[in-house]
Each structure stands twice: as structure tokens, then as C-alpha cells.
Amino acid sequence: MKTSNPILSRRGYSRDDGHPGPGLRQPQPVVAASGAHSANDHPGNPGSAYGDPRLATGVVVQAVLGTLAVSAGVLIAYRMRWIRVTRRFQGFVLASAAGFVLLMAADLLFSAFGGGNGLGFDSGGLGVVFGVVGILLGACFLALDFKQVENAIVNGAPREESWMAAFGLTLTLVWIYLEALRVLSLLRGDER
């Protein structure tokens, strides 16, 4: 026989038959999900407490479309074998990414401790150039991710290890999206 908590039972929170106590109703998923959007408090809404009004005017949509365009272009180029992922290509991409990340870390340190704009990668033409370089690096990482997926399929990797390829693709797409968002906001003149 199932025993219930006597304190919760007296207050009407539970019963032995699995139904809520007196006065309590079963939650309705549709009503619960729609309640989150009824107050217009969701990210991206210009009047929202969470969203940035500048980003709700189209920059986010443009960044998403740009990310989709880059990923589709790299996928087509990879499938047509215009991009060949070799050890040399992989080494070049990894070395370039390490240099890019170190340069951005130096910029962050200079802006945090040196004051001002750091090395200048957050504004103006230099910021746009480094944003485009970031997008190109992301495109190269997409090619590496596609090669990883192709190798896993050819070598018969276990299904349980597919999450690594999915994580790599997701991380790369987020990288490209953030860089595209940065470039578009710099082109619009929105300073950080």
C-alpha cells in the first residue's frame, strides 16, 4: 500500500490515487505555454524587459540569414569537392583560430585594463575586418565539421558518439552567428 505525506495530504496537495487534492486542477500544457507569451515578455520583443530594442529591428534576422547562407555555401562547396579538408588545411585552420582567439583575448585584456577601446577591434573598419575574418574562420570550421561527420559515417562510428559532431556543428554555427551579428551591428553604427 502506498503511503502519502500526511502534511501534504491535509493541505490538499496530494492523494493516493495520483490526482491533485481538492481545489487543485491538472495543469494544461497549452495554457501554460501560451501564458509565457501573453505578457510580451520574451527576448527580441522591442517592448520586452529582456530584449534590446536595437536588435529587434532586423539585425538578428539578418544575422540568422547570413549564418544560413554561409553554412549552405560551405556545404555546397564541400559536397562539390571545391573544399578539400586535408591535414594541411586542418593545421592552417587550427593555427589561424588560435591566433584569432589570442588576438581577441589581448583585445579584451587591453580594453579591461588599458581603458578605452582596447586594440580597436570593437568598432570601426578594423572591427568589421576582424568580424569578417571570424566568419571566414567559422566557415573553415564548418568544413572541418563536415569532414568529421563524413569520416564517422565511413568508419561506422557508434551512434552514441554522434553528439560530438552535433556539438561541433552547433558551436560553429553559434560562432558564425555571433560574428555576423557583430559585423552587422558595426555596419549599422551601433557601438557596444
Protein backbone atom coordinates (compact mmCIF):
# COMPACT_ATOMS: atom_id res chain seq x y z
CA MET A 1 0.00 0.00 0.00
CA LYS A 2 1.28 3.44 -0.94
CA THR A 3 1.70 5.89 1.90
CA SER A 4 1.45 9.58 1.33
CA ASN A 5 2.90 12.52 3.16
CA PRO A 6 0.37 13.39 5.91
CA ILE A 7 1.20 17.10 5.87
CA LEU A 8 0.73 17.44 2.12
CA SER A 9 -2.43 15.32 2.25
CA ARG A 10 -4.03 17.55 4.87
CA ARG A 11 -3.28 20.64 2.82
CA GLY A 12 -4.82 19.12 -0.31
CA TYR A 13 -1.64 18.81 -2.36
CA SER A 14 -1.64 15.07 -2.98
CA ARG A 15 -3.80 11.99 -2.83
CA ASP A 16 -3.02 8.32 -3.03
CA ASP A 17 -4.81 7.92 -6.37
CA GLY A 18 -2.44 10.31 -8.18
CA HIS A 19 -4.91 13.15 -8.69
CA PRO A 20 -4.41 16.56 -7.17
CA GLY A 21 -6.22 17.30 -3.95
CA PRO A 22 -9.40 19.32 -3.53
CA GLY A 23 -9.39 22.65 -5.30
CA LEU A 24 -6.36 21.87 -7.46
CA ARG A 25 -6.58 21.28 -11.20
CA GLN A 26 -4.36 19.38 -13.58
CA PRO A 27 -2.02 21.75 -15.45
CA GLN A 28 -2.87 22.29 -19.11
CA PRO A 29 0.30 22.41 -21.28
CA VAL A 30 -1.21 24.65 -23.97
CA VAL A 31 -2.39 27.20 -21.42
CA ALA A 32 0.94 27.10 -19.58
CA ALA A 33 2.95 27.59 -22.78
CA SER A 34 0.76 30.41 -24.06
CA GLY A 35 0.95 32.23 -20.74
CA ALA A 36 4.65 32.87 -21.25
CA HIS A 37 3.96 34.96 -24.36
CA SER A 38 0.81 36.69 -23.21
CA ALA A 39 2.65 39.47 -21.40
CA ASN A 40 5.03 40.12 -24.35
CA ASP A 41 7.99 39.34 -22.12
CA HIS A 42 10.06 37.29 -24.50
CA PRO A 43 13.51 38.06 -25.91
CA GLY A 44 13.50 40.00 -29.14
CA ASN A 45 10.35 41.96 -28.44
CA PRO A 46 11.12 45.70 -28.62
CA GLY A 47 8.96 46.39 -25.56
CA SER A 48 10.36 43.48 -23.62
CA ALA A 49 12.34 43.82 -20.44
CA TYR A 50 14.78 41.24 -21.87
CA GLY A 51 15.24 42.33 -25.47
CA ASP A 52 17.42 45.10 -26.83
CA PRO A 53 15.25 47.43 -28.97
CA ARG A 54 18.12 47.98 -31.44
CA LEU A 55 18.43 44.26 -32.13
CA ALA A 56 14.71 43.81 -32.73
CA THR A 57 14.78 45.95 -35.85
CA GLY A 58 16.19 43.34 -38.21
CA VAL A 59 19.83 42.75 -37.30
CA VAL A 60 19.05 39.41 -35.67
CA VAL A 61 17.13 38.19 -38.71
CA GLN A 62 19.93 39.32 -41.00
CA ALA A 63 22.50 37.50 -38.85
CA VAL A 64 20.43 34.30 -38.92
CA LEU A 65 20.02 34.52 -42.69
CA GLY A 66 23.74 35.24 -43.07
CA THR A 67 24.59 32.21 -40.93
CA LEU A 68 22.30 30.03 -43.03
CA ALA A 69 23.83 31.39 -46.24
CA VAL A 70 27.39 30.72 -45.05
CA SER A 71 26.55 27.20 -43.90
CA ALA A 72 24.71 26.40 -47.14
CA GLY A 73 27.57 27.78 -49.22
CA VAL A 74 30.18 25.77 -47.34
CA LEU A 75 28.05 22.62 -47.54
CA ILE A 76 27.64 23.01 -51.30
CA ALA A 77 31.35 23.71 -51.75
CA TYR A 78 32.23 20.71 -49.59
CA ARG A 79 29.86 18.34 -51.42
CA MET A 80 31.10 19.53 -54.83
CA ARG A 81 34.67 18.93 -53.54
CA TRP A 82 35.69 22.55 -54.08
CA ILE A 83 36.90 22.45 -50.48
CA ARG A 84 39.21 19.55 -49.65
CA VAL A 85 39.90 19.01 -45.99
CA THR A 86 43.45 17.74 -45.68
CA ARG A 87 45.92 17.67 -42.80
CA ARG A 88 47.46 20.87 -44.13
CA PHE A 89 44.05 22.60 -44.28
CA GLN A 90 43.26 21.40 -40.76
CA GLY A 91 46.59 22.68 -39.43
CA PHE A 92 46.10 26.05 -41.14
CA VAL A 93 42.58 26.45 -39.72
CA LEU A 94 43.59 25.47 -36.19
CA ALA A 95 46.64 27.78 -36.22
CA SER A 96 44.55 30.65 -37.60
CA ALA A 97 41.87 30.10 -34.98
CA ALA A 98 44.44 30.01 -32.18
CA GLY A 99 45.92 33.30 -33.41
CA PHE A 100 42.47 34.85 -33.74
CA VAL A 101 41.42 33.80 -30.24
CA LEU A 102 44.71 35.04 -28.74
CA LEU A 103 44.34 38.38 -30.53
CA MET A 104 40.76 38.76 -29.27
CA ALA A 105 41.90 37.84 -25.73
CA ALA A 106 44.62 40.51 -25.95
CA ASP A 107 41.98 43.00 -27.11
CA LEU A 108 39.80 42.06 -24.15
CA LEU A 109 42.70 42.49 -21.72
CA PHE A 110 43.68 45.87 -23.20
CA SER A 111 40.11 47.10 -23.04
CA ALA A 112 39.68 45.85 -19.46
CA PHE A 113 42.96 47.14 -18.03
CA GLY A 114 44.11 49.75 -20.52
CA GLY A 115 40.80 51.52 -20.76
CA GLY A 116 39.15 52.75 -23.87
CA ASN A 117 38.65 50.64 -26.93
CA GLY A 118 41.43 48.09 -26.43
CA LEU A 119 43.15 47.35 -29.72
CA GLY A 120 40.24 48.76 -31.71
CA PHE A 121 38.57 45.52 -32.79
CA ASP A 122 35.19 46.52 -31.36
CA SER A 123 34.47 49.48 -33.60
CA GLY A 124 35.08 50.96 -37.00
CA GLY A 125 36.62 49.39 -40.06
CA LEU A 126 39.07 47.25 -38.10
CA GLY A 127 36.19 45.70 -36.18
CA VAL A 128 34.37 44.86 -39.41
CA VAL A 129 37.53 43.33 -40.91
CA PHE A 130 38.11 41.13 -37.88
CA GLY A 131 34.42 40.18 -37.83
CA VAL A 132 34.66 39.03 -41.45
CA VAL A 133 37.84 37.10 -40.61
CA GLY A 134 35.88 35.45 -37.78
CA ILE A 135 33.11 34.47 -40.19
CA LEU A 136 35.67 33.03 -42.63
CA LEU A 137 37.26 31.03 -39.80
CA GLY A 138 33.81 29.76 -38.86
CA ALA A 139 33.26 28.69 -42.47
CA CYS A 140 36.56 26.78 -42.38
CA PHE A 141 35.48 25.09 -39.16
CA LEU A 142 32.22 24.09 -40.86
CA ALA A 143 34.26 22.27 -43.48
CA LEU A 144 36.18 20.50 -40.69
CA ASP A 145 32.88 19.56 -39.03
CA PHE A 146 31.52 18.15 -42.29
CA LYS A 147 34.69 16.09 -42.69
CA GLN A 148 34.30 14.77 -39.13
CA VAL A 149 30.73 13.69 -39.89
CA GLU A 150 31.77 12.08 -43.17
CA ASN A 151 34.64 10.19 -41.50
CA ALA A 152 32.35 8.98 -38.72
CA ILE A 153 29.86 7.60 -41.25
CA VAL A 154 32.55 5.95 -43.39
CA ASN A 155 34.27 4.36 -40.38
CA GLY A 156 31.00 3.20 -38.83
CA ALA A 157 31.26 5.18 -35.62
CA PRO A 158 28.78 4.16 -32.93
CA ARG A 159 25.56 6.11 -32.79
CA GLU A 160 26.27 7.16 -29.20
CA GLU A 161 29.17 9.30 -30.40
CA SER A 162 27.12 11.39 -32.82
CA TRP A 163 26.66 14.05 -30.16
CA MET A 164 30.28 15.16 -30.65
CA ALA A 165 29.68 16.01 -34.30
CA ALA A 166 26.39 17.71 -33.44
CA PHE A 167 28.10 19.73 -30.71
CA GLY A 168 30.86 20.79 -33.10
CA LEU A 169 28.36 21.89 -35.73
CA THR A 170 26.30 23.77 -33.17
CA LEU A 171 29.33 25.53 -31.74
CA THR A 172 30.50 26.54 -35.21
CA LEU A 173 27.07 27.86 -36.21
CA VAL A 174 26.85 29.90 -33.00
CA TRP A 175 30.34 31.29 -33.70
CA ILE A 176 29.32 32.35 -37.21
CA TYR A 177 26.05 33.83 -35.94
CA LEU A 178 27.77 35.91 -33.24
CA GLU A 179 30.40 37.18 -35.66
CA ALA A 180 27.70 38.07 -38.22
CA LEU A 181 25.75 39.86 -35.50
CA ARG A 182 28.84 41.82 -34.54
CA VAL A 183 29.64 42.79 -38.13
CA LEU A 184 26.06 43.86 -38.84
CA SER A 185 25.83 45.92 -35.67
CA LEU A 186 29.16 47.62 -36.51
CA LEU A 187 27.97 48.35 -40.04
CA ARG A 188 24.77 49.89 -38.66
CA GLY A 189 26.85 52.11 -36.39
CA ASP A 190 25.64 50.56 -33.12
CA GLU A 191 28.55 50.81 -30.72
CA ARG A 192 28.85 48.34 -27.87
